[in-house]
Protein backbone atom coordinates (compact mmCIF):
# COMPACT_ATOMS: atom_id res chain seq x y z
CA UNK A 1 -16.16 5.73 -12.85
CA UNK A 2 -15.97 2.25 -11.43
CA UNK A 3 -17.69 1.64 -8.08
CA UNK A 4 -14.46 0.08 -6.80
CA UNK A 5 -12.48 3.27 -7.45
CA UNK A 6 -15.02 5.67 -5.89
CA UNK A 7 -13.83 5.24 -2.25
CA UNK A 8 -10.24 5.82 -3.39
CA UNK A 9 -11.30 9.05 -5.12
CA UNK A 10 -13.41 10.22 -2.17
CA UNK A 11 -10.56 9.51 0.23
CA UNK A 12 -8.13 11.54 -1.90
CA UNK A 13 -5.97 8.51 -2.70
CA UNK A 14 -6.69 9.10 -6.36
CA UNK A 15 -4.90 12.40 -6.94
CA UNK A 16 -2.51 12.28 -3.92
CA UNK A 17 -1.02 8.84 -4.71
CA UNK A 18 -2.60 7.41 -7.86
CA UNK A 19 -4.16 8.45 -11.12
CA UNK A 20 -7.57 7.06 -12.06
CA UNK A 21 -7.45 3.39 -13.06
CA UNK A 22 -9.76 0.42 -13.38
CA UNK A 23 -9.21 -2.28 -10.73
CA UNK A 24 -8.98 -5.69 -12.40
CA UNK A 25 -7.48 -7.92 -9.67
CA UNK A 26 -8.84 -8.75 -6.23
CA UNK A 27 -6.65 -7.44 -3.42
CA UNK A 28 -7.50 -8.60 0.10
CA UNK A 29 -5.57 -7.15 3.04
CA UNK A 30 -6.19 -8.52 6.52
CA UNK A 31 -4.85 -7.67 9.94
CA UNK A 32 -5.33 -10.40 12.55
CA UNK A 33 -7.81 -12.20 10.29
CA UNK A 34 -9.92 -9.04 9.85
CA UNK A 35 -10.28 -7.74 6.31
CA UNK A 36 -10.81 -4.00 6.08
CA UNK A 37 -12.64 -1.99 3.45
CA UNK A 38 -11.59 1.28 1.82
CA UNK A 39 -11.58 4.21 4.22
CA UNK A 40 -12.18 2.14 7.33
CA UNK A 41 -10.51 3.40 10.51
CA UNK A 42 -8.30 0.82 12.20
CA UNK A 43 -6.98 1.12 15.72
CA UNK A 44 -3.18 1.17 16.20
CA UNK A 45 -3.25 -2.05 18.19
CA UNK A 46 -5.02 -3.83 15.30
CA UNK A 47 -2.26 -2.91 12.81
CA UNK A 48 0.75 -3.63 15.02
CA UNK A 49 1.64 -6.70 12.93
CA UNK A 50 2.47 -7.29 9.29
CA UNK A 51 -0.75 -7.76 7.30
CA UNK A 52 -1.63 -10.76 5.21
CA UNK A 53 -2.13 -9.76 1.59
CA UNK A 54 -3.93 -12.07 -0.84
CA UNK A 55 -3.88 -11.40 -4.54
CA UNK A 56 -6.39 -12.64 -7.06
CA UNK A 57 -5.64 -13.25 -10.67
CA UNK A 58 -5.81 -16.14 -12.99
CA UNK A 59 -2.22 -16.87 -13.88
CA UNK A 60 0.64 -17.96 -11.61
CA UNK A 61 3.06 -16.74 -14.30
CA UNK A 62 1.97 -13.14 -13.76
CA UNK A 63 4.11 -11.20 -11.26
CA UNK A 64 2.92 -8.31 -9.12
CA UNK A 65 4.51 -5.58 -7.01
CA UNK A 66 2.83 -4.47 -3.79
CA UNK A 67 3.54 -1.04 -2.32
CA UNK A 68 2.31 0.25 1.05
CA UNK A 69 2.65 3.99 1.51
CA UNK A 70 1.52 6.86 3.77
CA UNK A 71 0.72 10.04 1.79
CA UNK A 72 0.08 12.01 5.00
CA UNK A 73 3.54 11.95 6.61
CA UNK A 74 4.39 13.48 8.96
CA UNK A 75 0.95 15.08 9.39
CA UNK A 76 -2.10 15.44 7.13
CA UNK A 77 -1.99 19.23 7.47
CA UNK A 78 1.69 19.35 6.46
CA UNK A 79 2.56 16.20 4.48
CA UNK A 80 6.00 17.41 3.43
CA UNK A 81 7.39 13.85 3.39
CA UNK A 82 4.63 12.79 1.01
CA UNK A 83 4.83 9.90 0.58
CA UNK A 84 6.44 7.73 3.28
CA UNK A 85 7.14 4.17 2.13
CA UNK A 86 6.13 1.38 4.51
CA UNK A 87 6.59 -1.79 2.43
CA UNK A 88 7.45 -3.16 -0.99
CA UNK A 89 7.17 -6.78 -2.10
CA UNK A 90 7.94 -7.72 -5.70
CA UNK A 91 7.65 -10.79 -7.91
CA UNK A 92 4.44 -11.96 -6.22
CA UNK A 93 2.82 -14.68 -8.34
CA UNK A 94 -0.86 -14.22 -9.20
CA UNK A 95 -3.39 -16.19 -7.13
CA UNK A 96 -1.15 -16.19 -4.03
CA UNK A 97 -0.23 -13.87 -1.20
CA UNK A 98 2.62 -11.47 -0.52
CA UNK A 99 4.57 -14.10 1.44
CA UNK A 100 5.27 -15.78 -1.90
CA UNK A 101 6.90 -12.63 -3.26
CA UNK A 102 10.52 -11.67 -3.16
CA UNK A 103 11.33 -8.73 -0.95
CA UNK A 104 13.57 -6.56 -3.12
CA UNK A 105 13.68 -3.59 -0.78
CA UNK A 106 16.77 -4.44 1.25
CA UNK A 107 17.06 -4.35 5.01
CA UNK A 108 15.67 -0.83 5.31
CA UNK A 109 12.62 -1.35 3.12
CA UNK A 110 10.90 -4.25 4.82
CA UNK A 111 7.50 -3.84 6.47
CA UNK A 112 7.29 -0.82 8.76
CA UNK A 113 4.36 -0.75 11.19
CA UNK A 114 2.15 2.34 10.78
CA UNK A 115 2.58 4.67 13.78
CA UNK A 116 1.20 8.13 13.02
CA UNK A 117 2.05 10.82 15.55
CA UNK A 118 -0.24 13.66 14.46
CA UNK A 119 -3.65 13.48 12.78
CA UNK A 120 -5.48 10.82 10.81
CA UNK A 121 -3.27 9.11 8.21
CA UNK A 122 -4.24 7.10 5.15
CA UNK A 123 -2.22 3.95 4.52
CA UNK A 124 -2.49 2.81 0.92
CA UNK A 125 -1.76 -0.60 -0.60
CA UNK A 126 -1.21 -0.42 -4.38
CA UNK A 127 -0.79 -3.47 -6.59
CA UNK A 128 1.00 -3.24 -9.94
CA UNK A 129 1.28 -5.88 -12.61
CA UNK A 130 4.96 -6.30 -13.43
CA UNK A 131 6.19 -6.48 -17.02
CA UNK A 132 8.83 -9.01 -16.00
CA UNK A 133 10.34 -10.73 -12.98
CA UNK A 134 13.29 -9.38 -11.01
CA UNK A 135 13.09 -5.99 -12.72
CA UNK A 136 12.20 -3.75 -9.76
CA UNK A 137 15.01 -1.89 -8.00
CA UNK A 138 14.72 -0.75 -4.38
CA UNK A 139 14.01 2.95 -3.77
CA UNK A 140 16.68 5.24 -2.37
CA UNK A 141 14.75 6.11 0.80
CA UNK A 142 11.44 5.75 2.59
CA UNK A 143 10.75 9.49 2.91
CA UNK A 144 9.69 11.59 -0.08
CA UNK A 145 8.71 8.37 -1.86
CA UNK A 146 6.58 8.85 -4.96
CA UNK A 147 4.53 5.90 -6.17
CA UNK A 148 4.04 7.37 -9.65
CA UNK A 149 7.76 8.05 -10.16
CA UNK A 150 8.77 4.69 -8.70
CA UNK A 151 6.45 2.77 -11.01
CA UNK A 152 7.69 4.73 -14.03
CA UNK A 153 11.39 4.36 -13.13
CA UNK A 154 10.99 0.60 -12.70
CA UNK A 155 8.83 0.04 -15.76
CA UNK A 156 5.99 -1.38 -13.72
CA UNK A 157 2.89 -2.26 -15.62
CA UNK A 158 -0.55 -0.92 -14.85
CA UNK A 159 -2.06 -0.45 -11.40
CA UNK A 160 -4.50 -3.30 -10.98
CA UNK A 161 -5.81 -2.83 -7.43
CA UNK A 162 -5.61 -0.52 -4.44
CA UNK A 163 -7.11 -0.34 -0.96
CA UNK A 164 -6.54 2.00 1.98
CA UNK A 165 -7.35 2.43 5.64
CA UNK A 166 -7.18 5.31 8.09
CA UNK A 167 -5.52 5.32 11.48
CA UNK A 168 -4.35 7.79 14.07
CA UNK A 169 -2.32 7.82 17.22
CA UNK A 170 -4.22 6.22 20.04
CA UNK A 171 -4.92 8.83 22.70
CA UNK A 172 -4.27 8.17 26.35
CA UNK A 173 -8.00 7.97 27.08
CA UNK A 174 -8.47 5.28 24.41
CA UNK A 175 -5.62 3.11 25.68
CA UNK A 176 -6.30 0.21 27.99
C-alpha cells in the first residue's frame, strides 16, 4: 500500500468514502495560507473561509473534478446522512487551482463552510480525473451524497488524489 494512502486508510476515509487507489497527482489544500496534512485537526475559525486548492499534473488539457464531503454527518456515532456534500468544482485544468474550474453544482452546491454540531468530523477532498469536459451533472441534494455513486453516474475517471482533515464544534471554553 502506498505511503500516501495509509493516512486515508487509518482515518477510515478509505472504506467510508473511497476504495483503495494510488494517488498520482499532487493535491494541496490550504486555509488562510496554511496547508494541512491528512488527519490534522483544524479549528473552526481556521476553516471559516473557502480553501485554496492547487492541483498538480503535467497537462493543462486534462480536466479534474474536486469533491469536498463530510462522511460523518450529522454525527460520527450516527452518520445517517453519510455523506454530506460541501463542494464540487468541475473542469479544473491540470497544473492550476480550483478557481480555474467551472462550478457545475448550481446555486445550492457551492462551497459550504464546515460547521459540525456533534463530535469530530472528517472533511474529505477527493480529486477525480475527468474523461471529458462539461460532462459532470450536479447532484440532486447535499445530504445522502455518495462519492462512489456520483463518480460512476457521471463517468468520472479514476481518483487521483485525496486529503482530509478533522474538525469539531468549538466549545465555549475554547472560544475567545
